[in-house]
Amino acid sequence: MALSFTSRCFAAEKTIEKEYKNGILSIHINQLRPDGVDEKKYEAYKILKPYLNNKLLKAAVIWREDELSYGVEVSISHSYISQKLKRRITTEKFIDKFQINFIEPDHTIIPNNLVEVSSEEVRQSKRLRENADVFRHHQDYEAALRTYLQALEHYPSDCVSLYRIAEIYQFYGQLDTSEAYCKKIEQINPNFANWTRNKLKSSN
């Protein structure tokens, strides 16, 4: 599929939000996560280092664009923080102790089983959508669109892929096509369709 895209920035400007609650520090970053296990751990250490103290029960960095995106949490527990602050553990070993957990999109807003598909088809769709998210973060929108469409081939009622496609078409001025995908969402889940239209309207 040939598309004519402009150089307009699609992704929202990077934001960082710090949250501290019940001894847990979470730093949320609205951007693509680093590649590789070691890179994720090292980047999390660099971000968290200024905030480490003995009162922390846990410290974490969460890379995730929004509730519909795949994300990752890289965290470290109090016991290792304490050892690091008391210099009982080297920086290298401290970084190695970081734990990585992957975050899937919130299932409460992902509807529907209008089309009966196997669990393997759903897994394939999820894998493709996660790849599409990466393309989108890297502003490779043709690849992102192509991959979201591939995800729909495995799971046609995946409203998140439908929403991302509508989003891409809107940002590049193809409003009729964007609306066509919103209508597909509406046939599957009217509540999610309302959320989609409000989200697209607010991004104009």
Protein backbone atom coordinates (compact mmCIF):
# COMPACT_ATOMS: atom_id res chain seq x y z
CA MET A 1 0.00 0.00 0.00
CA ALA A 2 1.55 3.30 -1.10
CA LEU A 3 0.89 6.26 1.14
CA SER A 4 2.03 9.83 0.88
CA PHE A 5 3.09 10.93 4.35
CA THR A 6 4.41 14.31 5.44
CA SER A 7 7.26 14.91 7.87
CA ARG A 8 4.86 16.03 10.61
CA CYS A 9 5.73 14.52 13.97
CA PHE A 10 3.14 11.90 14.87
CA ALA A 11 4.22 10.93 18.39
CA ALA A 12 3.38 13.18 21.31
CA GLU A 13 6.21 15.10 22.90
CA LYS A 14 8.08 13.02 25.47
CA THR A 15 6.81 13.46 29.01
CA ILE A 16 8.18 12.23 32.30
CA GLU A 17 5.99 11.87 35.37
CA LYS A 18 7.23 10.96 38.86
CA GLU A 19 4.90 9.29 41.34
CA TYR A 20 5.67 8.37 44.97
CA LYS A 21 3.14 6.37 46.95
CA ASN A 22 3.45 4.04 49.95
CA GLY A 23 7.22 3.91 49.63
CA ILE A 24 7.16 3.09 45.92
CA LEU A 25 8.72 5.48 43.41
CA SER A 26 7.53 5.16 39.82
CA ILE A 27 8.91 7.24 36.99
CA HIS A 28 6.69 7.08 33.91
CA ILE A 29 8.27 7.96 30.58
CA ASN A 30 6.20 8.57 27.48
CA GLN A 31 8.57 7.20 24.87
CA LEU A 32 9.90 4.01 23.35
CA ARG A 33 11.71 1.73 25.76
CA PRO A 34 15.41 0.99 25.24
CA ASP A 35 16.36 -2.10 23.23
CA GLY A 36 17.92 -5.10 24.95
CA VAL A 37 17.81 -6.32 28.55
CA ASP A 38 21.10 -4.73 29.60
CA GLU A 39 20.18 -1.42 27.99
CA LYS A 40 16.84 -1.33 29.82
CA LYS A 41 18.48 -2.02 33.18
CA TYR A 42 21.30 0.49 32.67
CA GLU A 43 18.95 3.25 31.52
CA ALA A 44 16.65 2.60 34.51
CA TYR A 45 19.64 2.86 36.85
CA LYS A 46 20.70 6.20 35.34
CA ILE A 47 17.17 7.59 35.74
CA LEU A 48 16.63 6.30 39.28
CA LYS A 49 20.10 6.99 40.70
CA PRO A 50 19.36 10.56 41.95
CA TYR A 51 16.26 9.35 43.82
CA LEU A 52 17.60 6.28 45.62
CA ASN A 53 17.22 6.38 49.40
CA ASN A 54 16.65 3.99 52.30
CA LYS A 55 12.94 4.83 52.56
CA LEU A 56 12.15 3.33 49.18
CA LEU A 57 10.46 -0.06 49.20
CA LYS A 58 10.71 -0.18 45.43
CA ALA A 59 11.86 2.08 42.60
CA ALA A 60 10.75 1.62 39.00
CA VAL A 61 10.95 3.17 35.57
CA ILE A 62 7.98 2.55 33.28
CA TRP A 63 8.27 3.19 29.56
CA ARG A 64 4.81 3.39 28.01
CA GLU A 65 3.13 5.83 25.66
CA ASP A 66 -0.45 5.38 26.87
CA GLU A 67 -2.89 2.78 28.16
CA LEU A 68 -3.23 1.23 24.71
CA SER A 69 0.50 0.71 24.20
CA TYR A 70 2.73 -2.15 25.19
CA GLY A 71 5.21 -1.07 27.84
CA VAL A 72 7.91 -2.24 30.16
CA GLU A 73 8.64 -1.74 33.86
CA VAL A 74 12.21 -2.00 35.14
CA SER A 75 12.37 -2.05 38.94
CA ILE A 76 14.63 -2.62 41.92
CA SER A 77 13.63 -3.64 45.45
CA HIS A 78 14.45 -2.08 48.83
CA SER A 79 16.95 -4.76 49.83
CA TYR A 80 19.20 -4.08 46.84
CA ILE A 81 18.76 -0.32 47.17
CA SER A 82 19.90 -0.57 50.77
CA GLN A 83 22.92 -2.70 49.84
CA LYS A 84 23.90 -0.23 47.13
CA LEU A 85 23.62 2.78 49.42
CA LYS A 86 25.75 0.99 52.03
CA ARG A 87 28.25 0.08 49.29
CA ARG A 88 27.84 -3.63 49.95
CA ILE A 89 27.14 -4.29 46.29
CA THR A 90 28.91 -2.98 43.19
CA THR A 91 27.13 -0.84 40.64
CA GLU A 92 27.37 -3.65 38.07
CA LYS A 93 25.75 -6.19 40.41
CA PHE A 94 23.15 -3.66 41.47
CA ILE A 95 22.14 -3.03 37.85
CA ASP A 96 22.00 -6.78 37.24
CA LYS A 97 19.42 -7.12 40.05
CA PHE A 98 16.86 -4.94 38.26
CA GLN A 99 13.70 -6.85 37.34
CA ILE A 100 11.92 -6.44 33.99
CA ASN A 101 8.15 -6.85 33.58
CA PHE A 102 6.32 -6.28 30.32
CA ILE A 103 3.01 -4.44 30.36
CA GLU A 104 0.19 -5.35 28.01
CA PRO A 105 -2.58 -2.87 27.12
CA ASP A 106 -5.43 -2.57 29.58
CA HIS A 107 -7.83 -5.43 28.76
CA THR A 108 -10.79 -3.57 30.27
CA ILE A 109 -10.90 -1.33 27.20
CA ILE A 110 -10.09 -3.98 24.63
CA PRO A 111 -13.45 -5.51 23.74
CA ASN A 112 -14.99 -8.21 22.04
CA ASN A 113 -15.21 -11.57 20.59
CA LEU A 114 -17.41 -10.84 17.63
CA VAL A 115 -15.10 -12.90 15.45
CA GLU A 116 -14.19 -16.26 16.89
CA VAL A 117 -10.44 -16.80 16.63
CA SER A 118 -8.01 -19.26 18.16
CA SER A 119 -5.67 -18.34 20.98
CA GLU A 120 -2.77 -18.72 18.54
CA GLU A 121 -4.34 -16.17 16.20
CA VAL A 122 -4.76 -13.76 19.11
CA ARG A 123 -1.11 -14.24 20.08
CA GLN A 124 -0.02 -13.55 16.51
CA SER A 125 -2.15 -10.42 16.46
CA LYS A 126 -0.70 -9.18 19.74
CA ARG A 127 2.85 -9.80 18.54
CA LEU A 128 2.22 -7.88 15.33
CA ARG A 129 0.55 -5.00 17.16
CA GLU A 130 3.50 -4.72 19.53
CA ASN A 131 5.83 -4.58 16.49
CA ALA A 132 3.59 -1.94 14.95
CA ASP A 133 3.84 0.13 18.14
CA VAL A 134 7.63 0.09 17.76
CA PHE A 135 7.42 1.25 14.14
CA ARG A 136 5.04 4.01 15.17
CA HIS A 137 7.39 5.17 17.94
CA HIS A 138 10.20 5.33 15.39
CA GLN A 139 7.90 7.41 13.13
CA ASP A 140 7.93 4.73 10.43
CA TYR A 141 4.21 5.11 9.83
CA GLU A 142 3.99 3.15 6.60
CA ALA A 143 5.48 0.10 8.36
CA ALA A 144 3.26 0.72 11.39
CA LEU A 145 0.11 0.88 9.28
CA ARG A 146 1.07 -2.21 7.31
CA THR A 147 1.73 -4.15 10.52
CA TYR A 148 -1.49 -3.05 12.26
CA LEU A 149 -3.37 -4.26 9.18
CA GLN A 150 -1.54 -7.59 9.41
CA ALA A 151 -2.59 -7.84 13.05
CA LEU A 152 -6.21 -7.42 11.97
CA GLU A 153 -5.87 -10.33 9.57
CA HIS A 154 -5.35 -12.57 12.61
CA TYR A 155 -7.87 -10.85 14.91
CA PRO A 156 -10.34 -8.66 12.96
CA SER A 157 -12.12 -7.37 16.07
CA ASP A 158 -8.98 -5.95 17.70
CA CYS A 159 -10.23 -2.44 18.43
CA VAL A 160 -6.81 -1.18 19.45
CA SER A 161 -5.30 -1.92 16.04
CA LEU A 162 -8.38 -0.36 14.44
CA TYR A 163 -7.92 2.74 16.60
CA ARG A 164 -4.22 3.05 15.76
CA ILE A 165 -5.02 2.81 12.05
CA ALA A 166 -7.69 5.52 12.40
CA GLU A 167 -5.17 7.63 14.32
CA ILE A 168 -2.52 7.35 11.61
CA TYR A 169 -4.97 8.21 8.84
CA GLN A 170 -6.25 11.23 10.78
CA PHE A 171 -2.80 12.63 11.44
CA TYR A 172 -2.08 12.52 7.74
CA GLY A 173 -5.30 14.18 6.65
CA GLN A 174 -7.13 11.12 5.32
CA LEU A 175 -10.18 11.84 7.44
CA ASP A 176 -12.72 9.77 5.51
CA THR A 177 -10.58 6.66 5.87
CA SER A 178 -10.01 7.43 9.56
CA GLU A 179 -13.77 7.71 10.09
CA ALA A 180 -14.33 4.42 8.26
CA TYR A 181 -12.16 2.68 10.84
CA CYS A 182 -14.00 4.45 13.67
CA LYS A 183 -17.23 3.02 12.27
CA LYS A 184 -15.70 -0.47 12.28
CA ILE A 185 -14.91 0.03 15.96
CA GLU A 186 -18.47 1.21 16.59
CA GLN A 187 -19.84 -2.04 15.15
CA ILE A 188 -17.71 -3.99 17.63
CA ASN A 189 -17.89 -1.83 20.75
CA PRO A 190 -19.83 1.48 20.82
CA ASN A 191 -18.27 2.56 24.12
CA PHE A 192 -14.78 2.12 22.76
CA ALA A 193 -15.82 3.97 19.61
CA ASN A 194 -16.88 6.95 21.73
CA TRP A 195 -13.53 6.85 23.52
CA THR A 196 -11.77 6.65 20.13
CA ARG A 197 -13.56 9.67 18.68
CA ASN A 198 -12.93 11.76 21.81
CA LYS A 199 -9.27 10.79 21.76
CA LEU A 200 -8.88 11.63 18.08
CA LYS A 201 -10.73 14.92 18.55
CA SER A 202 -8.47 15.95 21.41
CA SER A 203 -5.34 15.24 19.33
CA ASN A 204 -6.40 17.57 16.50
